[in-house]
Amino acid sequence: MMWRNGRRVVAHAWGHARLAYAALVAENDSLRADLRNARAARDQAIDLVRELQAAIMERNRADLDLHHLRRERELHRARSAQRDPTTLLH
C-alpha cells in the first residue's frame, strides 16, 4: 500500500537498502578472509620454493665437489700408474 506522500515507499526502499548493504558487508568480510587465506597459502608456497632452491643449490655444489674428487682420483691414478716400457707411446 503506497501513501500519497511516498513515505511508505521510501521506508520500504530504505529497509531494502539496509539489507543490501548488510549483504555487501558480509560478502566483503568473506572476501577479505579468502584473501588472507590466499596470501597465507602464497607465502607458504614461496617458502617451499625457497627451500627447494636451497636444496638444488646444495645438490649442485655436491655434484661439483664430486666431479672435482673424481678428477683428482683419475689424476692420482694416472700419476701412480707405471708405464710398460715395451709399449709404444703412440
PDB file of N, CA and C in Angstrom:
ATOM      1  N   MET A   1       0.844  -1.166   0.000  1.00  0.00           N
ATOM      2  CA  MET A   1       0.000   0.000   0.000  1.00  0.00           C
ATOM      3  C   MET A   1       0.887   1.225   0.000  1.00  0.00           C
ATOM      4  N   MET A   2       0.745   2.092  -0.970  1.00  0.00           N
ATOM      5  CA  MET A   2       1.566   3.278  -1.102  1.00  0.00           C
ATOM      6  C   MET A   2       0.810   4.495  -0.587  1.00  0.00           C
ATOM      7  N   TRP A   3       1.484   5.270   0.209  1.00  0.00           N
ATOM      8  CA  TRP A   3       0.867   6.501   0.691  1.00  0.00           C
ATOM      9  C   TRP A   3       1.078   7.597  -0.323  1.00  0.00           C
ATOM     10  N   ARG A   4       0.273   8.580  -0.208  1.00  0.00           N
ATOM     11  CA  ARG A   4       0.346   9.655  -1.195  1.00  0.00           C
ATOM     12  C   ARG A   4       1.656  10.415  -1.130  1.00  0.00           C
ATOM     13  N   ASN A   5       2.167  10.642   0.047  1.00  0.00           N
ATOM     14  CA  ASN A   5       3.399  11.411   0.137  1.00  0.00           C
ATOM     15  C   ASN A   5       4.640  10.538  -0.083  1.00  0.00           C
ATOM     16  N   GLY A   6       4.463   9.255  -0.250  1.00  0.00           N
ATOM     17  CA  GLY A   6       5.560   8.370  -0.578  1.00  0.00           C
ATOM     18  C   GLY A   6       6.365   7.870   0.605  1.00  0.00           C
ATOM     19  N   ARG A   7       5.904   8.159   1.822  1.00  0.00           N
ATOM     20  CA  ARG A   7       6.671   7.733   2.988  1.00  0.00           C
ATOM     21  C   ARG A   7       6.792   6.210   3.075  1.00  0.00           C
ATOM     22  N   ARG A   8       5.748   5.514   2.814  1.00  0.00           N
ATOM     23  CA  ARG A   8       5.798   4.057   2.906  1.00  0.00           C
ATOM     24  C   ARG A   8       6.758   3.498   1.845  1.00  0.00           C
ATOM     25  N   VAL A   9       6.759   4.025   0.672  1.00  0.00           N
ATOM     26  CA  VAL A   9       7.661   3.572  -0.397  1.00  0.00           C
ATOM     27  C   VAL A   9       9.102   3.835  -0.010  1.00  0.00           C
ATOM     28  N   VAL A  10       9.377   5.003   0.548  1.00  0.00           N
ATOM     29  CA  VAL A  10      10.743   5.347   0.958  1.00  0.00           C
ATOM     30  C   VAL A  10      11.188   4.440   2.096  1.00  0.00           C
ATOM     31  N   ALA A  11      10.308   4.181   3.045  1.00  0.00           N
ATOM     32  CA  ALA A  11      10.653   3.304   4.156  1.00  0.00           C
ATOM     33  C   ALA A  11      10.968   1.899   3.659  1.00  0.00           C
ATOM     34  N   HIS A  12      10.189   1.405   2.717  1.00  0.00           N
ATOM     35  CA  HIS A  12      10.451   0.086   2.149  1.00  0.00           C
ATOM     36  C   HIS A  12      11.789   0.070   1.409  1.00  0.00           C
ATOM     37  N   ALA A  13      12.042   1.094   0.628  1.00  0.00           N
ATOM     38  CA  ALA A  13      13.307   1.180  -0.109  1.00  0.00           C
ATOM     39  C   ALA A  13      14.479   1.290   0.859  1.00  0.00           C
ATOM     40  N   TRP A  14      14.300   2.029   1.931  1.00  0.00           N
ATOM     41  CA  TRP A  14      15.369   2.183   2.917  1.00  0.00           C
ATOM     42  C   TRP A  14      15.672   0.835   3.586  1.00  0.00           C
ATOM     43  N   GLY A  15      14.655   0.092   3.923  1.00  0.00           N
ATOM     44  CA  GLY A  15      14.856  -1.241   4.507  1.00  0.00           C
ATOM     45  C   GLY A  15      15.568  -2.175   3.536  1.00  0.00           C
ATOM     46  N   HIS A  16      15.173  -2.109   2.282  1.00  0.00           N
ATOM     47  CA  HIS A  16      15.834  -2.916   1.254  1.00  0.00           C
ATOM     48  C   HIS A  16      17.296  -2.511   1.108  1.00  0.00           C
ATOM     49  N   ALA A  17      17.570  -1.217   1.153  1.00  0.00           N
ATOM     50  CA  ALA A  17      18.949  -0.728   1.035  1.00  0.00           C
ATOM     51  C   ALA A  17      19.788  -1.202   2.216  1.00  0.00           C
ATOM     52  N   ARG A  18      19.213  -1.189   3.420  1.00  0.00           N
ATOM     53  CA  ARG A  18      19.949  -1.675   4.589  1.00  0.00           C
ATOM     54  C   ARG A  18      20.288  -3.152   4.461  1.00  0.00           C
ATOM     55  N   LEU A  19      19.342  -3.951   3.972  1.00  0.00           N
ATOM     56  CA  LEU A  19      19.599  -5.377   3.764  1.00  0.00           C
ATOM     57  C   LEU A  19      20.676  -5.599   2.708  1.00  0.00           C
ATOM     58  N   ALA A  20      20.602  -4.838   1.636  1.00  0.00           N
ATOM     59  CA  ALA A  20      21.600  -4.960   0.573  1.00  0.00           C
ATOM     60  C   ALA A  20      22.982  -4.564   1.095  1.00  0.00           C
ATOM     61  N   TYR A  21      23.043  -3.502   1.896  1.00  0.00           N
ATOM     62  CA  TYR A  21      24.318  -3.057   2.461  1.00  0.00           C
ATOM     63  C   TYR A  21      24.879  -4.118   3.406  1.00  0.00           C
ATOM     64  N   ALA A  22      24.039  -4.698   4.236  1.00  0.00           N
ATOM     65  CA  ALA A  22      24.484  -5.749   5.152  1.00  0.00           C
ATOM     66  C   ALA A  22      25.024  -6.952   4.374  1.00  0.00           C
ATOM     67  N   ALA A  23      24.366  -7.284   3.280  1.00  0.00           N
ATOM     68  CA  ALA A  23      24.849  -8.394   2.446  1.00  0.00           C
ATOM     69  C   ALA A  23      26.197  -8.058   1.837  1.00  0.00           C
ATOM     70  N   LEU A  24      26.387  -6.824   1.397  1.00  0.00           N
ATOM     71  CA  LEU A  24      27.668  -6.408   0.827  1.00  0.00           C
ATOM     72  C   LEU A  24      28.771  -6.419   1.880  1.00  0.00           C
ATOM     73  N   VAL A  25      28.461  -5.981   3.082  1.00  0.00           N
ATOM     74  CA  VAL A  25      29.449  -6.007   4.167  1.00  0.00           C
ATOM     75  C   VAL A  25      29.849  -7.442   4.472  1.00  0.00           C
ATOM     76  N   ALA A  26      28.887  -8.344   4.547  1.00  0.00           N
ATOM     77  CA  ALA A  26      29.182  -9.756   4.809  1.00  0.00           C
ATOM     78  C   ALA A  26      30.030 -10.350   3.686  1.00  0.00           C
ATOM     79  N   GLU A  27      29.688 -10.019   2.436  1.00  0.00           N
ATOM     80  CA  GLU A  27      30.477 -10.518   1.301  1.00  0.00           C
ATOM     81  C   GLU A  27      31.886  -9.956   1.339  1.00  0.00           C
ATOM     82  N   ASN A  28      32.014  -8.682   1.686  1.00  0.00           N
ATOM     83  CA  ASN A  28      33.329  -8.056   1.792  1.00  0.00           C
ATOM     84  C   ASN A  28      34.171  -8.747   2.863  1.00  0.00           C
ATOM     85  N   ASP A  29      33.573  -9.033   4.021  1.00  0.00           N
ATOM     86  CA  ASP A  29      34.288  -9.733   5.089  1.00  0.00           C
ATOM     87  C   ASP A  29      34.727 -11.118   4.633  1.00  0.00           C
ATOM     88  N   SER A  30      33.855 -11.802   3.919  1.00  0.00           N
ATOM     89  CA  SER A  30      34.186 -13.131   3.404  1.00  0.00           C
ATOM     90  C   SER A  30      35.329 -13.068   2.396  1.00  0.00           C
ATOM     91  N   LEU A  31      35.274 -12.081   1.517  1.00  0.00           N
ATOM     92  CA  LEU A  31      36.336 -11.933   0.519  1.00  0.00           C
ATOM     93  C   LEU A  31      37.664 -11.560   1.170  1.00  0.00           C
ATOM     94  N   ARG A  32      37.612 -10.740   2.200  1.00  0.00           N
ATOM     95  CA  ARG A  32      38.846 -10.387   2.922  1.00  0.00           C
ATOM     96  C   ARG A  32      39.450 -11.620   3.591  1.00  0.00           C
ATOM     97  N   ALA A  33      38.602 -12.463   4.162  1.00  0.00           N
ATOM     98  CA  ALA A  33      39.092 -13.706   4.769  1.00  0.00           C
ATOM     99  C   ALA A  33      39.701 -14.616   3.702  1.00  0.00           C
ATOM    100  N   ASP A  34      39.039 -14.713   2.553  1.00  0.00           N
ATOM    101  CA  ASP A  34      39.595 -15.507   1.450  1.00  0.00           C
ATOM    102  C   ASP A  34      40.937 -14.953   0.998  1.00  0.00           C
ATOM    103  N   LEU A  35      41.053 -13.640   0.943  1.00  0.00           N
ATOM    104  CA  LEU A  35      42.310 -13.019   0.544  1.00  0.00           C
ATOM    105  C   LEU A  35      43.412 -13.315   1.550  1.00  0.00           C
ATOM    106  N   ARG A  36      43.080 -13.247   2.849  1.00  0.00           N
ATOM    107  CA  ARG A  36      44.071 -13.586   3.880  1.00  0.00           C
ATOM    108  C   ARG A  36      44.534 -15.028   3.721  1.00  0.00           C
ATOM    109  N   ASN A  37      43.594 -15.932   3.471  1.00  0.00           N
ATOM    110  CA  ASN A  37      43.950 -17.344   3.282  1.00  0.00           C
ATOM    111  C   ASN A  37      44.803 -17.536   2.034  1.00  0.00           C
ATOM    112  N   ALA A  38      44.461 -16.850   0.960  1.00  0.00           N
ATOM    113  CA  ALA A  38      45.235 -16.963  -0.279  1.00  0.00           C
ATOM    114  C   ALA A  38      46.648 -16.422  -0.081  1.00  0.00           C
ATOM    115  N   ARG A  39      46.763 -15.318   0.640  1.00  0.00           N
ATOM    116  CA  ARG A  39      48.108 -14.758   0.902  1.00  0.00           C
ATOM    117  C   ARG A  39      48.923 -15.695   1.775  1.00  0.00           C
ATOM    118  N   ALA A  40      48.288 -16.312   2.756  1.00  0.00           N
ATOM    119  CA  ALA A  40      49.000 -17.268   3.610  1.00  0.00           C
ATOM    120  C   ALA A  40      49.473 -18.470   2.786  1.00  0.00           C
ATOM    121  N   ALA A  41      48.621 -18.962   1.902  1.00  0.00           N
ATOM    122  CA  ALA A  41      48.998 -20.089   1.034  1.00  0.00           C
ATOM    123  C   ALA A  41      50.129 -19.676   0.096  1.00  0.00           C
ATOM    124  N   ARG A  42      50.040 -18.447  -0.437  1.00  0.00           N
ATOM    125  CA  ARG A  42      51.108 -17.944  -1.305  1.00  0.00           C
ATOM    126  C   ARG A  42      52.428 -17.874  -0.552  1.00  0.00           C
ATOM    127  N   ASP A  43      52.402 -17.337   0.668  1.00  0.00           N
ATOM    128  CA  ASP A  43      53.625 -17.227   1.454  1.00  0.00           C
ATOM    129  C   ASP A  43      54.212 -18.595   1.766  1.00  0.00           C
ATOM    130  N   GLN A  44      53.349 -19.553   2.053  1.00  0.00           N
ATOM    131  CA  GLN A  44      53.818 -20.914   2.309  1.00  0.00           C
ATOM    132  C   GLN A  44      54.449 -21.512   1.051  1.00  0.00           C
ATOM    133  N   ALA A  45      53.834 -21.283  -0.092  1.00  0.00           N
ATOM    134  CA  ALA A  45      54.383 -21.794  -1.352  1.00  0.00           C
ATOM    135  C   ALA A  45      55.730 -21.151  -1.658  1.00  0.00           C
ATOM    136  N   ILE A  46      55.853 -19.854  -1.397  1.00  0.00           N
ATOM    137  CA  ILE A  46      57.127 -19.167  -1.617  1.00  0.00           C
ATOM    138  C   ILE A  46      58.202 -19.756  -0.715  1.00  0.00           C
ATOM    139  N   ASP A  47      57.859 -20.022   0.544  1.00  0.00           N
ATOM    140  CA  ASP A  47      58.830 -20.633   1.457  1.00  0.00           C
ATOM    141  C   ASP A  47      59.268 -22.002   0.959  1.00  0.00           C
ATOM    142  N   LEU A  48      58.316 -22.787   0.450  1.00  0.00           N
ATOM    143  CA  LEU A  48      58.669 -24.110  -0.080  1.00  0.00           C
ATOM    144  C   LEU A  48      59.560 -24.005  -1.306  1.00  0.00           C
ATOM    145  N   VAL A  49      59.288 -23.031  -2.165  1.00  0.00           N
ATOM    146  CA  VAL A  49      60.120 -22.836  -3.359  1.00  0.00           C
ATOM    147  C   VAL A  49      61.533 -22.430  -2.944  1.00  0.00           C
ATOM    148  N   ARG A  50      61.636 -21.569  -1.958  1.00  0.00           N
ATOM    149  CA  ARG A  50      62.969 -21.156  -1.483  1.00  0.00           C
ATOM    150  C   ARG A  50      63.733 -22.337  -0.883  1.00  0.00           C
ATOM    151  N   GLU A  51      63.032 -23.176  -0.131  1.00  0.00           N
ATOM    152  CA  GLU A  51      63.677 -24.375   0.411  1.00  0.00           C
ATOM    153  C   GLU A  51      64.145 -25.290  -0.717  1.00  0.00           C
ATOM    154  N   LEU A  52      63.312 -25.431  -1.732  1.00  0.00           N
ATOM    155  CA  LEU A  52      63.680 -26.264  -2.873  1.00  0.00           C
ATOM    156  C   LEU A  52      64.885 -25.682  -3.603  1.00  0.00           C
ATOM    157  N   GLN A  53      64.907 -24.362  -3.788  1.00  0.00           N
ATOM    158  CA  GLN A  53      66.045 -23.729  -4.436  1.00  0.00           C
ATOM    159  C   GLN A  53      67.322 -23.960  -3.640  1.00  0.00           C
ATOM    160  N   ALA A  54      67.248 -23.839  -2.320  1.00  0.00           N
ATOM    161  CA  ALA A  54      68.420 -24.069  -1.476  1.00  0.00           C
ATOM    162  C   ALA A  54      68.897 -25.515  -1.597  1.00  0.00           C
ATOM    163  N   ALA A  55      67.951 -26.453  -1.630  1.00  0.00           N
ATOM    164  CA  ALA A  55      68.324 -27.862  -1.771  1.00  0.00           C
ATOM    165  C   ALA A  55      68.963 -28.126  -3.132  1.00  0.00           C
ATOM    166  N   ILE A  56      68.453 -27.500  -4.170  1.00  0.00           N
ATOM    167  CA  ILE A  56      69.017 -27.670  -5.510  1.00  0.00           C
ATOM    168  C   ILE A  56      70.425 -27.095  -5.567  1.00  0.00           C
ATOM    169  N   MET A  57      70.606 -25.929  -4.968  1.00  0.00           N
ATOM    170  CA  MET A  57      71.947 -25.333  -4.959  1.00  0.00           C
ATOM    171  C   MET A  57      72.931 -26.209  -4.192  1.00  0.00           C
ATOM    172  N   GLU A  58      72.482 -26.772  -3.083  1.00  0.00           N
ATOM    173  CA  GLU A  58      73.346 -27.664  -2.303  1.00  0.00           C
ATOM    174  C   GLU A  58      73.682 -28.922  -3.100  1.00  0.00           C
ATOM    175  N   ARG A  59      72.689 -29.472  -3.803  1.00  0.00           N
ATOM    176  CA  ARG A  59      72.947 -30.652  -4.632  1.00  0.00           C
ATOM    177  C   ARG A  59      73.934 -30.326  -5.747  1.00  0.00           C
ATOM    178  N   ASN A  60      73.790 -29.148  -6.365  1.00  0.00           N
ATOM    179  CA  ASN A  60      74.712 -28.755  -7.423  1.00  0.00           C
ATOM    180  C   ASN A  60      76.132 -28.596  -6.884  1.00  0.00           C
ATOM    181  N   ARG A  61      76.261 -28.022  -5.676  1.00  0.00           N
ATOM    182  CA  ARG A  61      77.599 -27.907  -5.064  1.00  0.00           C
ATOM    183  C   ARG A  61      78.186 -29.291  -4.806  1.00  0.00           C
ATOM    184  N   ALA A  62      77.348 -30.205  -4.316  1.00  0.00           N
ATOM    185  CA  ALA A  62      77.821 -31.564  -4.050  1.00  0.00           C
ATOM    186  C   ALA A  62      78.237 -32.260  -5.351  1.00  0.00           C
ATOM    187  N   ASP A  63      77.482 -32.072  -6.422  1.00  0.00           N
ATOM    188  CA  ASP A  63      77.849 -32.643  -7.723  1.00  0.00           C
ATOM    189  C   ASP A  63      79.179 -32.093  -8.208  1.00  0.00           C
ATOM    190  N   LEU A  64      79.388 -30.801  -8.037  1.00  0.00           N
ATOM    191  CA  LEU A  64      80.653 -30.181  -8.449  1.00  0.00           C
ATOM    192  C   LEU A  64      81.807 -30.716  -7.613  1.00  0.00           C
ATOM    193  N   ASP A  65      81.587 -30.835  -6.302  1.00  0.00           N
ATOM    194  CA  ASP A  65      82.633 -31.406  -5.441  1.00  0.00           C
ATOM    195  C   ASP A  65      82.946 -32.839  -5.856  1.00  0.00           C
ATOM    196  N   LEU A  66      81.926 -33.610  -6.159  1.00  0.00           N
ATOM    197  CA  LEU A  66      82.137 -34.987  -6.599  1.00  0.00           C
ATOM    198  C   LEU A  66      82.919 -35.020  -7.905  1.00  0.00           C
ATOM    199  N   HIS A  67      82.588 -34.124  -8.822  1.00  0.00           N
ATOM    200  CA  HIS A  67      83.319 -34.052 -10.088  1.00  0.00           C
ATOM    201  C   HIS A  67      84.804 -33.768  -9.833  1.00  0.00           C
ATOM    202  N   HIS A  68      85.086 -32.819  -8.941  1.00  0.00           N
ATOM    203  CA  HIS A  68      86.485 -32.490  -8.628  1.00  0.00           C
ATOM    204  C   HIS A  68      87.198 -33.664  -7.966  1.00  0.00           C
ATOM    205  N   LEU A  69      86.515 -34.350  -7.065  1.00  0.00           N
ATOM    206  CA  LEU A  69      87.127 -35.508  -6.398  1.00  0.00           C
ATOM    207  C   LEU A  69      87.420 -36.619  -7.402  1.00  0.00           C
ATOM    208  N   ARG A  70      86.508 -36.859  -8.313  1.00  0.00           N
ATOM    209  CA  ARG A  70      86.758 -37.894  -9.330  1.00  0.00           C
ATOM    210  C   ARG A  70      87.922 -37.504 -10.231  1.00  0.00           C
ATOM    211  N   ARG A  71      87.975 -36.230 -10.569  1.00  0.00           N
ATOM    212  CA  ARG A  71      89.100 -35.747 -11.400  1.00  0.00           C
ATOM    213  C   ARG A  71      90.424 -35.933 -10.676  1.00  0.00           C
ATOM    214  N   GLU A  72      90.452 -35.604  -9.392  1.00  0.00           N
ATOM    215  CA  GLU A  72      91.676 -35.799  -8.607  1.00  0.00           C
ATOM    216  C   GLU A  72      92.033 -37.271  -8.522  1.00  0.00           C
ATOM    217  N   ARG A  73      91.032 -38.134  -8.359  1.00  0.00           N
ATOM    218  CA  ARG A  73      91.281 -39.577  -8.306  1.00  0.00           C
ATOM    219  C   ARG A  73      91.882 -40.060  -9.616  1.00  0.00           C
ATOM    220  N   GLU A  74      91.342 -39.597 -10.728  1.00  0.00           N
ATOM    221  CA  GLU A  74      91.880 -40.009 -12.030  1.00  0.00           C
ATOM    222  C   GLU A  74      93.312 -39.506 -12.223  1.00  0.00           C
ATOM    223  N   LEU A  75      93.569 -38.268 -11.798  1.00  0.00           N
ATOM    224  CA  LEU A  75      94.933 -37.741 -11.899  1.00  0.00           C
ATOM    225  C   LEU A  75      95.889 -38.544 -11.017  1.00  0.00           C
ATOM    226  N   HIS A  76      95.444 -38.887  -9.827  1.00  0.00           N
ATOM    227  CA  HIS A  76      96.275 -39.676  -8.924  1.00  0.00           C
ATOM    228  C   HIS A  76      96.551 -41.050  -9.523  1.00  0.00           C
ATOM    229  N   ARG A  77      95.539 -41.670 -10.075  1.00  0.00           N
ATOM    230  CA  ARG A  77      95.729 -42.983 -10.715  1.00  0.00           C
ATOM    231  C   ARG A  77      96.698 -42.877 -11.884  1.00  0.00           C
ATOM    232  N   ALA A  78      96.544 -41.813 -12.669  1.00  0.00           N
ATOM    233  CA  ALA A  78      97.429 -41.652 -13.826  1.00  0.00           C
ATOM    234  C   ALA A  78      98.871 -41.434 -13.387  1.00  0.00           C
ATOM    235  N   ARG A  79      99.078 -40.662 -12.339  1.00  0.00           N
ATOM    236  CA  ARG A  79     100.448 -40.410 -11.858  1.00  0.00           C
ATOM    237  C   ARG A  79     101.063 -41.656 -11.246  1.00  0.00           C
ATOM    238  N   SER A  80     100.247 -42.445 -10.550  1.00  0.00           N
ATOM    239  CA  SER A  80     100.782 -43.615  -9.857  1.00  0.00           C
ATOM    240  C   SER A  80     100.907 -44.837 -10.772  1.00  0.00           C
ATOM    241  N   ALA A  81     100.321 -44.810 -11.920  1.00  0.00           N
ATOM    242  CA  ALA A  81     100.406 -45.954 -12.839  1.00  0.00           C
ATOM    243  C   ALA A  81     101.802 -45.986 -13.457  1.00  0.00           C
ATOM    244  N   GLN A  82     102.347 -47.177 -13.530  1.00  0.00           N
ATOM    245  CA  GLN A  82     103.658 -47.327 -14.159  1.00  0.00           C
ATOM    246  C   GLN A  82     103.457 -47.742 -15.606  1.00  0.00           C
ATOM    247  N   ARG A  83     104.218 -47.080 -16.449  1.00  0.00           N
ATOM    248  CA  ARG A  83     104.111 -47.372 -17.864  1.00  0.00           C
ATOM    249  C   ARG A  83     104.970 -48.568 -18.199  1.00  0.00           C
ATOM    250  N   ASP A  84     104.409 -49.396 -19.053  1.00  0.00           N
ATOM    251  CA  ASP A  84     105.163 -50.552 -19.529  1.00  0.00           C
ATOM    252  C   ASP A  84     106.142 -50.046 -20.586  1.00  0.00           C
ATOM    253  N   PRO A  85     107.405 -50.203 -20.317  1.00  0.00           N
ATOM    254  CA  PRO A  85     108.402 -49.660 -21.282  1.00  0.00           C
ATOM    255  C   PRO A  85     108.369 -50.338 -22.647  1.00  0.00           C
ATOM    256  N   THR A  86     107.772 -51.492 -22.777  1.00  0.00           N
ATOM    257  CA  THR A  86     107.742 -52.180 -24.061  1.00  0.00           C
ATOM    258  C   THR A  86     106.638 -51.674 -24.971  1.00  0.00           C
ATOM    259  N   THR A  87     105.657 -50.981 -24.414  1.00  0.00           N
ATOM    260  CA  THR A  87     104.565 -50.482 -25.259  1.00  0.00           C
ATOM    261  C   THR A  87     104.948 -49.149 -25.873  1.00  0.00           C
ATOM    262  N   LEU A  88     104.445 -48.922 -27.062  1.00  0.00           N
ATOM    263  CA  LEU A  88     104.726 -47.669 -27.773  1.00  0.00           C
ATOM    264  C   LEU A  88     103.922 -46.543 -27.155  1.00  0.00           C
ATOM    265  N   LEU A  89     104.463 -45.352 -27.233  1.00  0.00           N
ATOM    266  CA  LEU A  89     103.760 -44.187 -26.711  1.00  0.00           C
ATOM    267  C   LEU A  89     102.650 -43.749 -27.659  1.00  0.00           C
ATOM    268  N   HIS A  90     102.860 -43.953 -28.944  1.00  0.00           N
ATOM    269  CA  HIS A  90     101.847 -43.523 -29.912  1.00  0.00           C
ATOM    270  C   HIS A  90     101.371 -44.671 -30.731  1.00  0.00           C
TER     271      HIS A  90
END
